[in-house]
């Protein structure tokens, strides 16, 4: 073989290798934010830096006129903004392709469907494992100047969220501690109504998220107002939290409220509304999601709470709360099934040595407790609790009320304390009035 043939083959090989590398890099692109009203589309490069060697087209409702132009350079982790011309602002799919033909699902890189069922390639994307539920599944339409943003992980509409504070061209982030918490002693509530849609719960002072996962977006706790699937809005509420935990590994992702620290041991009641969006792990699974009350014991630890499974919810005592025990409090069937808002009251009574739960204002169960640790320093907490614990739930209106002092404790300033103080003052005033009356009668008899 002549030298020119060897050189030619070598050149073809190098070009092939280069093309393969670039194709792999193109696969690191994802659509990360969309504004249907302005046709803006943000594309995030999740891999290393590279330059496109060909145009990478957008496809929406069989419209192929827009693309990521050939020669576009992406730095590692860069967000770049493009225009999807003619994007329907009410309902559409939107997919980023490596190239045509568009009927070949292997060419789809990433995308979504929003606003409602629409004509397009969502069914094709579903067959490629790129979209859950096909053409009938979609992300809600944003209003005003809001956008639709991607969490960074997953193929479900729940992995996208309405973002009232768009950040086209930069990564979305929540500023921690910009909002005051309403929780405290003797009572208080965080109803999440002051949060911007799309912000994580850390926007409220002293709410904390612990994400132990290496994968961004696999565990998020955000303010939302959508009603995906069978969920309906909760009366009187315009937004709530979505706890999206897709970590199937052993990581124990969690988030927790500000600390509650009354002056001494006090009985308390936590009230919250929960809505299970997707079926939790089976009742026999080693790990299941929990909403717990943690007490300080040289570091906060679970004491008691509610654990969720595919069959329903159990009241549990765990960790430092006393002997491990559980009792069912409701089944996962109407009116406490998937998509139903359920009110739960969780009451710790240190005098009686019990923790009890009520569901939708009806008594549901009680267990004995024997706390190890500080009974007057506690907080509300979500626990992912380990391997295969994948779940999605909504949480709203978390409140606490210090009801009365526990045994051998100095009473805290609580509602009951204020009532008793008022009764005492009233009684004292009545006695003084009686004494004055007696003196006046005695004076008159002289």
Foldseek 3Di string as FASTA:
>chain_A
DDPVVVVVVVVVVVVVVVVVVLVVQVLQKEFFKAQLVQQKTKIWRQAAKDFAQAWWFKAKLNDTPDTRHHGDIDHHGWIAIDGDPPRHQAWMWIFTFRDDPPLDLVRTRATFIENAQDRTCQQVCVVVVQAPPGRGAHAYHEDDRWMKGAQQDDHHSVRIWIFPDDDHGDDDAADAACAEAQAEPQKGKDFCQPPTFPHFPRNYHPKDWDDPDPGGSQWTWTKHQDQPDLADGDPPHRIFIKTFHNDQAFDKIKIWHHKYFFPAQFKKKKKKKKAFADAWAAPPDPFFKWWFKWADQVHTDGAWGWTHHNFGIWTWGDDQFAPTDIDGQDTQDPPNHHNHIKMKMWIDAQQVQKIFIDIPPHTGDMDGTDGRHGNRIIIIMIIQRGHRGGGMMIMGIIMMHRDWHHPPIDTGPHPVVVVVVVVVVVVVVVVVVVVVVVVVVVVVVD
